[in-house]
Amino acid sequence: MKSWKLVAAALLSLLLLGCGSAAAQSRFGVIGGLTFANAPKAAELDYKTPTLYHAGVTYQYHVAGGFSIQPSVLFNMRGVNNGDGSVAMRLGAVEVPVALQWGPDLLAFRPFIQVVPFIGGTVYSPDKSLDFKKLEGGIGIGGGIEIWKFQISAHYSWNLNPYANKNESGLLWAFRSTMVSLALLF
């Protein structure tokens, strides 16, 4: 528990670093997009993973040397469908990804690469038969481009903590996801 508090304190310190000129280097925004989830072993059990969504708010802080830190708070829907297309499971999670980005500012646009560790928790599921864990965490890698006030990004993430214990079929509901996002930064 102490390690999470230490990490949170370190991230907060980095965000507050250089507050004197933070207004010129930081932007708030809204973010949303598509989540292409994949549940390991789902195909073996004739499950399909539908394309769902994520939406939330974000904050970008530019540090020196082309680096920026971009924490967000997202509501992210994932799930699986039965082979016939009916809903087998839906999970809604509040996630806090912190994108660590690097990319050169080329005046008209900024391409970047990113590493995205995240933590979160399940807040919505209509299926009460599974023993859902409330906390999740993982890491993602990806990239994107900023043009004026718009940011288009994509990353592939590994959820390192399964959402639920094994059900009767033995499937652990841990997702790997590709998230494609559009952010409007103010």
Protein backbone atom coordinates (compact mmCIF):
# COMPACT_ATOMS: atom_id res chain seq x y z
CA MET A 1 0.00 0.00 0.00
CA LYS A 2 2.87 2.38 0.74
CA SER A 3 4.29 1.87 -2.75
CA TRP A 4 1.04 3.10 -4.39
CA LYS A 5 1.07 6.20 -2.20
CA LEU A 6 4.71 6.83 -3.10
CA VAL A 7 3.98 6.48 -6.83
CA ALA A 8 0.96 8.79 -6.55
CA ALA A 9 3.02 11.37 -4.64
CA ALA A 10 5.80 11.19 -7.24
CA LEU A 11 3.34 11.70 -10.13
CA LEU A 12 1.69 14.61 -8.34
CA SER A 13 5.10 16.17 -7.73
CA LEU A 14 5.96 15.87 -11.42
CA LEU A 15 2.66 17.47 -12.40
CA LEU A 16 3.22 20.40 -10.07
CA LEU A 17 6.86 20.86 -11.07
CA GLY A 18 7.35 24.23 -12.68
CA CYS A 19 3.97 25.66 -11.69
CA GLY A 20 5.18 29.18 -12.51
CA SER A 21 4.98 28.54 -16.24
CA ALA A 22 2.46 25.72 -16.14
CA ALA A 23 -0.29 27.72 -17.85
CA ALA A 24 1.71 27.88 -21.09
CA GLN A 25 2.68 24.23 -20.88
CA SER A 26 -0.52 22.52 -19.79
CA ARG A 27 -3.95 21.86 -21.27
CA PHE A 28 -7.16 20.22 -20.12
CA GLY A 29 -9.33 18.30 -22.51
CA VAL A 30 -11.96 15.69 -23.23
CA ILE A 31 -11.11 12.30 -24.68
CA GLY A 32 -13.07 9.43 -26.15
CA GLY A 33 -12.78 6.60 -28.57
CA LEU A 34 -13.08 2.93 -29.35
CA THR A 35 -11.85 -0.02 -27.32
CA PHE A 36 -11.02 -3.16 -29.28
CA ALA A 37 -10.75 -5.73 -26.47
CA ASN A 38 -9.49 -9.30 -26.61
CA ALA A 39 -10.04 -11.86 -23.85
CA PRO A 40 -7.51 -14.72 -23.93
CA LYS A 41 -9.16 -18.08 -24.56
CA ALA A 42 -12.41 -16.40 -25.61
CA ALA A 43 -12.29 -17.87 -29.12
CA GLU A 44 -11.86 -21.39 -27.68
CA LEU A 45 -15.18 -20.97 -25.87
CA ASP A 46 -16.96 -19.47 -28.91
CA TYR A 47 -17.01 -15.97 -27.40
CA LYS A 48 -16.56 -12.83 -29.49
CA THR A 49 -15.18 -9.54 -28.19
CA PRO A 50 -17.19 -6.57 -29.51
CA THR A 51 -15.84 -3.10 -30.13
CA LEU A 52 -16.96 -0.89 -27.25
CA TYR A 53 -16.02 2.60 -26.05
CA HIS A 54 -14.19 4.81 -23.58
CA ALA A 55 -14.70 8.47 -22.63
CA GLY A 56 -13.43 10.90 -20.05
CA VAL A 57 -11.27 13.90 -19.25
CA THR A 58 -7.54 14.44 -19.66
CA TYR A 59 -4.79 16.86 -18.67
CA GLN A 60 -1.54 17.32 -20.58
CA TYR A 61 1.58 18.84 -19.05
CA HIS A 62 4.59 19.50 -21.29
CA VAL A 63 7.95 18.94 -19.65
CA ALA A 64 11.28 19.84 -21.30
CA GLY A 65 12.87 17.95 -24.19
CA GLY A 66 9.71 16.89 -25.99
CA PHE A 67 8.38 14.93 -23.00
CA SER A 68 4.85 15.30 -21.66
CA ILE A 69 2.74 13.65 -18.98
CA GLN A 70 -0.92 13.11 -19.72
CA PRO A 71 -3.08 11.62 -16.96
CA SER A 72 -6.73 10.90 -17.75
CA VAL A 73 -9.82 9.63 -15.99
CA LEU A 74 -11.80 7.33 -18.29
CA PHE A 75 -14.92 5.21 -18.19
CA ASN A 76 -13.99 2.15 -20.28
CA MET A 77 -16.48 -0.51 -21.40
CA ARG A 78 -15.27 -4.01 -22.29
CA GLY A 79 -17.08 -7.28 -22.71
CA VAL A 80 -17.71 -10.47 -24.60
CA ASN A 81 -20.61 -11.76 -26.67
CA ASN A 82 -21.77 -15.33 -27.12
CA GLY A 83 -21.24 -16.95 -30.49
CA ASP A 84 -24.79 -15.99 -31.52
CA GLY A 85 -24.10 -12.29 -30.80
CA SER A 86 -26.00 -12.05 -27.51
CA VAL A 87 -24.27 -10.34 -24.59
CA ALA A 88 -22.29 -12.71 -22.36
CA MET A 89 -20.61 -10.11 -20.16
CA ARG A 90 -20.09 -6.35 -19.91
CA LEU A 91 -17.69 -4.61 -17.57
CA GLY A 92 -17.47 -0.88 -17.05
CA ALA A 93 -14.34 0.35 -15.34
CA VAL A 94 -13.09 3.73 -14.22
CA GLU A 95 -9.44 3.83 -15.24
CA VAL A 96 -6.65 6.31 -14.59
CA PRO A 97 -4.05 5.98 -17.33
CA VAL A 98 -0.96 8.20 -17.12
CA ALA A 99 0.56 8.53 -20.59
CA LEU A 100 4.27 9.30 -20.60
CA GLN A 101 4.85 10.74 -24.06
CA TRP A 102 7.85 11.82 -26.08
CA GLY A 103 7.82 13.53 -29.43
CA PRO A 104 9.38 16.49 -31.20
CA ASP A 105 7.30 19.64 -31.66
CA LEU A 106 7.35 20.24 -35.41
CA LEU A 107 5.35 23.51 -35.15
CA ALA A 108 2.35 22.39 -37.25
CA PHE A 109 2.08 18.99 -35.56
CA ARG A 110 3.68 16.76 -32.94
CA PRO A 111 4.10 13.01 -33.49
CA PHE A 112 4.77 11.05 -30.30
CA ILE A 113 5.34 7.65 -28.77
CA GLN A 114 3.92 6.76 -25.38
CA VAL A 115 4.03 4.33 -22.49
CA VAL A 116 0.73 4.18 -20.59
CA PRO A 117 0.60 2.57 -17.13
CA PHE A 118 -2.92 2.50 -15.69
CA ILE A 119 -4.92 1.56 -12.62
CA GLY A 120 -8.65 1.32 -12.27
CA GLY A 121 -11.59 -0.54 -10.91
CA THR A 122 -14.78 -2.21 -12.06
CA VAL A 123 -17.80 -0.03 -11.33
CA TYR A 124 -20.45 -1.61 -13.54
CA SER A 125 -21.42 -5.16 -14.44
CA PRO A 126 -24.90 -6.59 -14.95
CA ASP A 127 -23.52 -10.13 -14.44
CA LYS A 128 -23.53 -10.94 -10.72
CA SER A 129 -22.56 -14.60 -11.19
CA LEU A 130 -18.84 -13.89 -11.51
CA ASP A 131 -16.64 -13.01 -8.57
CA PHE A 132 -15.39 -9.65 -9.83
CA LYS A 133 -12.28 -8.06 -8.46
CA LYS A 134 -12.58 -4.35 -8.02
CA LEU A 135 -9.01 -3.32 -8.87
CA GLU A 136 -7.12 -3.65 -12.10
CA GLY A 137 -3.85 -2.41 -13.47
CA GLY A 138 -1.63 -2.75 -16.47
CA ILE A 139 0.55 -1.08 -19.03
CA GLY A 140 0.22 -0.02 -22.65
CA ILE A 141 2.46 1.17 -25.46
CA GLY A 142 1.58 3.20 -28.52
CA GLY A 143 1.80 6.51 -30.27
CA GLY A 144 -0.11 9.30 -31.89
CA ILE A 145 -0.10 12.75 -33.36
CA GLU A 146 -1.20 16.20 -32.17
CA ILE A 147 -2.46 18.75 -34.65
CA TRP A 148 -3.47 22.11 -33.18
CA LYS A 149 -5.96 21.26 -30.36
CA PHE A 150 -6.61 17.70 -31.50
CA GLN A 151 -4.75 14.59 -30.45
CA ILE A 152 -5.23 11.22 -32.13
CA SER A 153 -3.59 8.32 -30.30
CA ALA A 154 -3.61 4.55 -30.13
CA HIS A 155 -2.09 2.11 -27.68
CA TYR A 156 -2.14 -1.59 -26.97
CA SER A 157 -2.54 -2.46 -23.28
CA TRP A 158 -2.08 -5.55 -21.17
CA ASN A 159 -4.30 -5.87 -18.10
CA LEU A 160 -2.04 -7.46 -15.51
CA ASN A 161 -4.81 -8.21 -13.01
CA PRO A 162 -7.79 -10.31 -14.18
CA TYR A 163 -11.21 -8.74 -13.62
CA ALA A 164 -12.70 -11.91 -12.21
CA ASN A 165 -11.80 -15.29 -10.81
CA LYS A 166 -12.32 -18.34 -13.00
CA ASN A 167 -15.90 -19.06 -13.91
CA GLU A 168 -17.38 -22.48 -14.69
CA SER A 169 -15.58 -22.56 -18.05
CA GLY A 170 -12.21 -21.74 -16.48
CA LEU A 171 -11.89 -18.40 -18.29
CA LEU A 172 -10.09 -15.62 -16.50
CA TRP A 173 -11.60 -12.32 -17.60
CA ALA A 174 -8.38 -10.43 -18.26
CA PHE A 175 -8.45 -8.22 -21.30
CA ARG A 176 -5.84 -7.04 -23.73
CA SER A 177 -7.05 -3.97 -25.54
CA THR A 178 -6.26 -1.65 -28.38
CA MET A 179 -7.61 1.80 -27.61
CA VAL A 180 -7.96 4.40 -30.36
CA SER A 181 -8.72 7.87 -28.96
CA LEU A 182 -9.46 11.39 -30.07
CA ALA A 183 -8.83 14.20 -27.57
CA LEU A 184 -9.79 17.85 -27.81
CA LEU A 185 -7.31 19.86 -25.72
CA PHE A 186 -8.21 23.39 -24.55
